[in-house]
Amino acid sequence: MDDINQPTGGATDATSRVRSTVDEACVKCGHRGLEFYTMQLRSADEGSTVFYECPKCQHTWNQNN
């Protein structure tokens, strides 16, 4: 029998998102090597939103593409 309390997929929260890294500088502290992930927040015919986080100072920001 399956455990009904275990997640079955679908939407995830920001803490469990798979993040990639990019060799760009943090806009706040200048540290290179940011983590990022994308989400489709606007209509499907528009670009995604990219969320960045600096692993050094934890500064976060986003950019619409």
PDB file of N, CA and C in Angstrom:
ATOM      1  N   MET A   1       0.846  -1.180   0.000  1.00  0.00           N
ATOM      2  CA  MET A   1       0.000   0.000   0.000  1.00  0.00           C
ATOM      3  C   MET A   1       0.888   1.240   0.000  1.00  0.00           C
ATOM      4  N   ASP A   2       0.534   2.252  -0.784  1.00  0.00           N
ATOM      5  CA  ASP A   2       1.296   3.497  -0.871  1.00  0.00           C
ATOM      6  C   ASP A   2       1.045   4.373   0.343  1.00  0.00           C
ATOM      7  N   ASP A   3       2.066   5.109   0.745  1.00  0.00           N
ATOM      8  CA  ASP A   3       1.938   6.067   1.833  1.00  0.00           C
ATOM      9  C   ASP A   3       1.286   7.329   1.286  1.00  0.00           C
ATOM     10  N   ILE A   4       0.098   7.657   1.745  1.00  0.00           N
ATOM     11  CA  ILE A   4      -0.634   8.799   1.195  1.00  0.00           C
ATOM     12  C   ILE A   4      -0.024  10.136   1.600  1.00  0.00           C
ATOM     13  N   ASN A   5       0.923  10.133   2.542  1.00  0.00           N
ATOM     14  CA  ASN A   5       1.553  11.377   2.977  1.00  0.00           C
ATOM     15  C   ASN A   5       2.782  11.740   2.164  1.00  0.00           C
ATOM     16  N   GLN A   6       3.194  10.901   1.231  1.00  0.00           N
ATOM     17  CA  GLN A   6       4.365  11.182   0.419  1.00  0.00           C
ATOM     18  C   GLN A   6       3.965  12.019  -0.790  1.00  0.00           C
ATOM     19  N   PRO A   7       4.809  12.989  -1.186  1.00  0.00           N
ATOM     20  CA  PRO A   7       4.488  13.802  -2.366  1.00  0.00           C
ATOM     21  C   PRO A   7       4.469  12.944  -3.620  1.00  0.00           C
ATOM     22  N   THR A   8       3.592  13.304  -4.540  1.00  0.00           N
ATOM     23  CA  THR A   8       3.440  12.513  -5.764  1.00  0.00           C
ATOM     24  C   THR A   8       3.876  13.270  -7.004  1.00  0.00           C
ATOM     25  N   GLY A   9       4.500  14.414  -6.847  1.00  0.00           N
ATOM     26  CA  GLY A   9       4.924  15.195  -8.011  1.00  0.00           C
ATOM     27  C   GLY A   9       4.119  16.464  -8.116  1.00  0.00           C
ATOM     28  N   GLY A  10       4.204  17.102  -9.276  1.00  0.00           N
ATOM     29  CA  GLY A  10       3.479  18.344  -9.481  1.00  0.00           C
ATOM     30  C   GLY A  10       4.305  19.532  -9.037  1.00  0.00           C
ATOM     31  N   ALA A  11       3.650  20.587  -8.625  1.00  0.00           N
ATOM     32  CA  ALA A  11       4.337  21.827  -8.258  1.00  0.00           C
ATOM     33  C   ALA A  11       5.232  21.613  -7.046  1.00  0.00           C
ATOM     34  N   THR A  12       6.339  22.337  -7.021  1.00  0.00           N
ATOM     35  CA  THR A  12       7.263  22.271  -5.893  1.00  0.00           C
ATOM     36  C   THR A  12       7.477  23.669  -5.352  1.00  0.00           C
ATOM     37  N   ASP A  13       7.940  23.746  -4.120  1.00  0.00           N
ATOM     38  CA  ASP A  13       8.240  25.065  -3.573  1.00  0.00           C
ATOM     39  C   ASP A  13       9.667  25.475  -3.925  1.00  0.00           C
ATOM     40  N   ALA A  14      10.020  26.718  -3.653  1.00  0.00           N
ATOM     41  CA  ALA A  14      11.315  27.265  -4.076  1.00  0.00           C
ATOM     42  C   ALA A  14      12.496  26.553  -3.441  1.00  0.00           C
ATOM     43  N   THR A  15      12.323  25.977  -2.260  1.00  0.00           N
ATOM     44  CA  THR A  15      13.451  25.323  -1.600  1.00  0.00           C
ATOM     45  C   THR A  15      13.810  24.003  -2.243  1.00  0.00           C
ATOM     46  N   SER A  16      12.909  23.377  -2.964  1.00  0.00           N
ATOM     47  CA  SER A  16      13.200  22.082  -3.567  1.00  0.00           C
ATOM     48  C   SER A  16      13.404  22.164  -5.080  1.00  0.00           C
ATOM     49  N   ARG A  17      13.429  23.352  -5.640  1.00  0.00           N
ATOM     50  CA  ARG A  17      13.666  23.508  -7.071  1.00  0.00           C
ATOM     51  C   ARG A  17      15.089  23.109  -7.426  1.00  0.00           C
ATOM     52  N   VAL A  18      15.230  22.540  -8.598  1.00  0.00           N
ATOM     53  CA  VAL A  18      16.560  22.235  -9.112  1.00  0.00           C
ATOM     54  C   VAL A  18      17.151  23.532  -9.635  1.00  0.00           C
ATOM     55  N   ARG A  19      18.347  23.853  -9.171  1.00  0.00           N
ATOM     56  CA  ARG A  19      18.990  25.105  -9.570  1.00  0.00           C
ATOM     57  C   ARG A  19      20.239  24.804 -10.374  1.00  0.00           C
ATOM     58  N   SER A  20      20.503  25.688 -11.286  1.00  0.00           N
ATOM     59  CA  SER A  20      21.722  25.619 -12.094  1.00  0.00           C
ATOM     60  C   SER A  20      22.625  26.763 -11.666  1.00  0.00           C
ATOM     61  N   THR A  21      23.865  26.742 -12.153  1.00  0.00           N
ATOM     62  CA  THR A  21      24.777  27.838 -11.846  1.00  0.00           C
ATOM     63  C   THR A  21      25.216  28.519 -13.138  1.00  0.00           C
ATOM     64  N   VAL A  22      25.533  29.785 -13.008  1.00  0.00           N
ATOM     65  CA  VAL A  22      26.003  30.578 -14.139  1.00  0.00           C
ATOM     66  C   VAL A  22      27.177  31.426 -13.656  1.00  0.00           C
ATOM     67  N   ASP A  23      28.173  31.609 -14.516  1.00  0.00           N
ATOM     68  CA  ASP A  23      29.368  32.365 -14.157  1.00  0.00           C
ATOM     69  C   ASP A  23      29.142  33.852 -14.415  1.00  0.00           C
ATOM     70  N   GLU A  24      28.304  34.453 -13.588  1.00  0.00           N
ATOM     71  CA  GLU A  24      28.031  35.889 -13.639  1.00  0.00           C
ATOM     72  C   GLU A  24      28.197  36.443 -12.236  1.00  0.00           C
ATOM     73  N   ALA A  25      28.430  37.751 -12.142  1.00  0.00           N
ATOM     74  CA  ALA A  25      28.674  38.392 -10.854  1.00  0.00           C
ATOM     75  C   ALA A  25      27.379  38.810 -10.171  1.00  0.00           C
ATOM     76  N   CYS A  26      27.366  38.693  -8.849  1.00  0.00           N
ATOM     77  CA  CYS A  26      26.244  39.176  -8.036  1.00  0.00           C
ATOM     78  C   CYS A  26      26.198  40.698  -8.148  1.00  0.00           C
ATOM     79  N   VAL A  27      24.998  41.248  -8.294  1.00  0.00           N
ATOM     80  CA  VAL A  27      24.852  42.701  -8.419  1.00  0.00           C
ATOM     81  C   VAL A  27      25.092  43.412  -7.091  1.00  0.00           C
ATOM     82  N   LYS A  28      25.082  42.674  -5.987  1.00  0.00           N
ATOM     83  CA  LYS A  28      25.279  43.289  -4.669  1.00  0.00           C
ATOM     84  C   LYS A  28      26.723  43.156  -4.176  1.00  0.00           C
ATOM     85  N   CYS A  29      27.291  41.932  -4.200  1.00  0.00           N
ATOM     86  CA  CYS A  29      28.618  41.739  -3.605  1.00  0.00           C
ATOM     87  C   CYS A  29      29.705  41.419  -4.633  1.00  0.00           C
ATOM     88  N   GLY A  30      29.332  41.153  -5.887  1.00  0.00           N
ATOM     89  CA  GLY A  30      30.313  40.884  -6.930  1.00  0.00           C
ATOM     90  C   GLY A  30      30.788  39.447  -7.019  1.00  0.00           C
ATOM     91  N   HIS A  31      30.304  38.573  -6.123  1.00  0.00           N
ATOM     92  CA  HIS A  31      30.699  37.160  -6.155  1.00  0.00           C
ATOM     93  C   HIS A  31      30.287  36.531  -7.482  1.00  0.00           C
ATOM     94  N   ARG A  32      31.181  35.733  -8.075  1.00  0.00           N
ATOM     95  CA  ARG A  32      30.881  35.056  -9.339  1.00  0.00           C
ATOM     96  C   ARG A  32      30.412  33.636  -9.054  1.00  0.00           C
ATOM     97  N   GLY A  33      29.421  33.183  -9.793  1.00  0.00           N
ATOM     98  CA  GLY A  33      28.896  31.835  -9.624  1.00  0.00           C
ATOM     99  C   GLY A  33      27.527  31.872  -8.974  1.00  0.00           C
ATOM    100  N   LEU A  34      26.546  32.382  -9.692  1.00  0.00           N
ATOM    101  CA  LEU A  34      25.187  32.522  -9.170  1.00  0.00           C
ATOM    102  C   LEU A  34      24.376  31.264  -9.420  1.00  0.00           C
ATOM    103  N   GLU A  35      23.428  31.008  -8.536  1.00  0.00           N
ATOM    104  CA  GLU A  35      22.454  29.943  -8.747  1.00  0.00           C
ATOM    105  C   GLU A  35      21.220  30.574  -9.376  1.00  0.00           C
ATOM    106  N   PHE A  36      20.548  29.814 -10.258  1.00  0.00           N
ATOM    107  CA  PHE A  36      19.340  30.348 -10.877  1.00  0.00           C
ATOM    108  C   PHE A  36      18.369  29.239 -11.233  1.00  0.00           C
ATOM    109  N   TYR A  37      17.107  29.607 -11.389  1.00  0.00           N
ATOM    110  CA  TYR A  37      16.071  28.731 -11.930  1.00  0.00           C
ATOM    111  C   TYR A  37      15.073  29.599 -12.673  1.00  0.00           C
ATOM    112  N   THR A  38      14.284  28.992 -13.536  1.00  0.00           N
ATOM    113  CA  THR A  38      13.309  29.750 -14.325  1.00  0.00           C
ATOM    114  C   THR A  38      11.896  29.273 -14.007  1.00  0.00           C
ATOM    115  N   MET A  39      10.954  30.177 -14.180  1.00  0.00           N
ATOM    116  CA  MET A  39       9.528  29.863 -14.037  1.00  0.00           C
ATOM    117  C   MET A  39       8.750  30.634 -15.090  1.00  0.00           C
ATOM    118  N   GLN A  40       7.677  30.042 -15.554  1.00  0.00           N
ATOM    119  CA  GLN A  40       6.781  30.705 -16.496  1.00  0.00           C
ATOM    120  C   GLN A  40       5.684  31.372 -15.679  1.00  0.00           C
ATOM    121  N   LEU A  41       5.817  32.679 -15.424  1.00  0.00           N
ATOM    122  CA  LEU A  41       4.853  33.398 -14.600  1.00  0.00           C
ATOM    123  C   LEU A  41       3.831  34.170 -15.426  1.00  0.00           C
ATOM    124  N   ARG A  42       4.221  34.518 -16.637  1.00  0.00           N
ATOM    125  CA  ARG A  42       3.327  35.287 -17.501  1.00  0.00           C
ATOM    126  C   ARG A  42       2.690  34.341 -18.516  1.00  0.00           C
ATOM    127  N   SER A  43       1.974  34.868 -19.464  1.00  0.00           N
ATOM    128  CA  SER A  43       1.297  34.018 -20.443  1.00  0.00           C
ATOM    129  C   SER A  43       2.312  33.206 -21.249  1.00  0.00           C
ATOM    130  N   ALA A  44       1.881  32.134 -21.824  1.00  0.00           N
ATOM    131  CA  ALA A  44       2.766  31.183 -22.500  1.00  0.00           C
ATOM    132  C   ALA A  44       3.492  31.773 -23.699  1.00  0.00           C
ATOM    133  N   ASP A  45       2.944  32.822 -24.307  1.00  0.00           N
ATOM    134  CA  ASP A  45       3.610  33.407 -25.474  1.00  0.00           C
ATOM    135  C   ASP A  45       4.644  34.467 -25.092  1.00  0.00           C
ATOM    136  N   GLU A  46       4.896  34.645 -23.792  1.00  0.00           N
ATOM    137  CA  GLU A  46       5.925  35.574 -23.317  1.00  0.00           C
ATOM    138  C   GLU A  46       7.059  34.783 -22.689  1.00  0.00           C
ATOM    139  N   GLY A  47       8.198  35.429 -22.474  1.00  0.00           N
ATOM    140  CA  GLY A  47       9.367  34.760 -21.930  1.00  0.00           C
ATOM    141  C   GLY A  47       9.214  34.342 -20.479  1.00  0.00           C
ATOM    142  N   SER A  48      10.156  33.523 -20.031  1.00  0.00           N
ATOM    143  CA  SER A  48      10.179  33.057 -18.648  1.00  0.00           C
ATOM    144  C   SER A  48      10.789  34.120 -17.743  1.00  0.00           C
ATOM    145  N   THR A  49      10.583  33.954 -16.436  1.00  0.00           N
ATOM    146  CA  THR A  49      11.239  34.786 -15.443  1.00  0.00           C
ATOM    147  C   THR A  49      12.393  33.980 -14.867  1.00  0.00           C
ATOM    148  N   VAL A  50      13.567  34.587 -14.796  1.00  0.00           N
ATOM    149  CA  VAL A  50      14.757  33.932 -14.249  1.00  0.00           C
ATOM    150  C   VAL A  50      14.993  34.484 -12.850  1.00  0.00           C
ATOM    151  N   PHE A  51      15.098  33.591 -11.866  1.00  0.00           N
ATOM    152  CA  PHE A  51      15.356  33.962 -10.479  1.00  0.00           C
ATOM    153  C   PHE A  51      16.806  33.629 -10.162  1.00  0.00           C
ATOM    154  N   TYR A  52      17.545  34.609  -9.640  1.00  0.00           N
ATOM    155  CA  TYR A  52      18.954  34.452  -9.293  1.00  0.00           C
ATOM    156  C   TYR A  52      19.116  34.528  -7.779  1.00  0.00           C
ATOM    157  N   GLU A  53      20.118  33.779  -7.261  1.00  0.00           N
ATOM    158  CA  GLU A  53      20.489  33.891  -5.854  1.00  0.00           C
ATOM    159  C   GLU A  53      22.001  33.754  -5.736  1.00  0.00           C
ATOM    160  N   CYS A  54      22.593  34.649  -4.960  1.00  0.00           N
ATOM    161  CA  CYS A  54      24.035  34.602  -4.697  1.00  0.00           C
ATOM    162  C   CYS A  54      24.281  33.663  -3.522  1.00  0.00           C
ATOM    163  N   PRO A  55      25.110  32.624  -3.696  1.00  0.00           N
ATOM    164  CA  PRO A  55      25.374  31.712  -2.586  1.00  0.00           C
ATOM    165  C   PRO A  55      26.230  32.339  -1.482  1.00  0.00           C
ATOM    166  N   LYS A  56      26.884  33.457  -1.768  1.00  0.00           N
ATOM    167  CA  LYS A  56      27.736  34.114  -0.769  1.00  0.00           C
ATOM    168  C   LYS A  56      26.935  35.041   0.149  1.00  0.00           C
ATOM    169  N   CYS A  57      26.172  35.969  -0.443  1.00  0.00           N
ATOM    170  CA  CYS A  57      25.446  36.958   0.373  1.00  0.00           C
ATOM    171  C   CYS A  57      23.931  36.714   0.423  1.00  0.00           C
ATOM    172  N   GLN A  58      23.428  35.698  -0.282  1.00  0.00           N
ATOM    173  CA  GLN A  58      22.006  35.332  -0.338  1.00  0.00           C
ATOM    174  C   GLN A  58      21.116  36.405  -0.957  1.00  0.00           C
ATOM    175  N   HIS A  59      21.715  37.366  -1.659  1.00  0.00           N
ATOM    176  CA  HIS A  59      20.910  38.373  -2.357  1.00  0.00           C
ATOM    177  C   HIS A  59      20.140  37.678  -3.482  1.00  0.00           C
ATOM    178  N   THR A  60      18.860  38.008  -3.628  1.00  0.00           N
ATOM    179  CA  THR A  60      18.041  37.422  -4.680  1.00  0.00           C
ATOM    180  C   THR A  60      17.434  38.520  -5.540  1.00  0.00           C
ATOM    181  N   TRP A  61      17.236  38.207  -6.810  1.00  0.00           N
ATOM    182  CA  TRP A  61      16.579  39.115  -7.736  1.00  0.00           C
ATOM    183  C   TRP A  61      16.074  38.297  -8.912  1.00  0.00           C
ATOM    184  N   ASN A  62      15.232  38.928  -9.732  1.00  0.00           N
ATOM    185  CA  ASN A  62      14.723  38.213 -10.906  1.00  0.00           C
ATOM    186  C   ASN A  62      14.784  39.115 -12.126  1.00  0.00           C
ATOM    187  N   GLN A  63      14.682  38.463 -13.277  1.00  0.00           N
ATOM    188  CA  GLN A  63      14.741  39.164 -14.559  1.00  0.00           C
ATOM    189  C   GLN A  63      13.751  38.515 -15.500  1.00  0.00           C
ATOM    190  N   ASN A  64      12.928  39.330 -16.142  1.00  0.00           N
ATOM    191  CA  ASN A  64      12.010  38.818 -17.156  1.00  0.00           C
ATOM    192  C   ASN A  64      12.717  38.741 -18.496  1.00  0.00           C
ATOM    193  N   ASN A  65      12.628  37.585 -19.131  1.00  0.00           N
ATOM    194  CA  ASN A  65      13.252  37.418 -20.451  1.00  0.00           C
ATOM    195  C   ASN A  65      12.220  37.535 -21.546  1.00  0.00           C
TER     196      ASN A  65
END
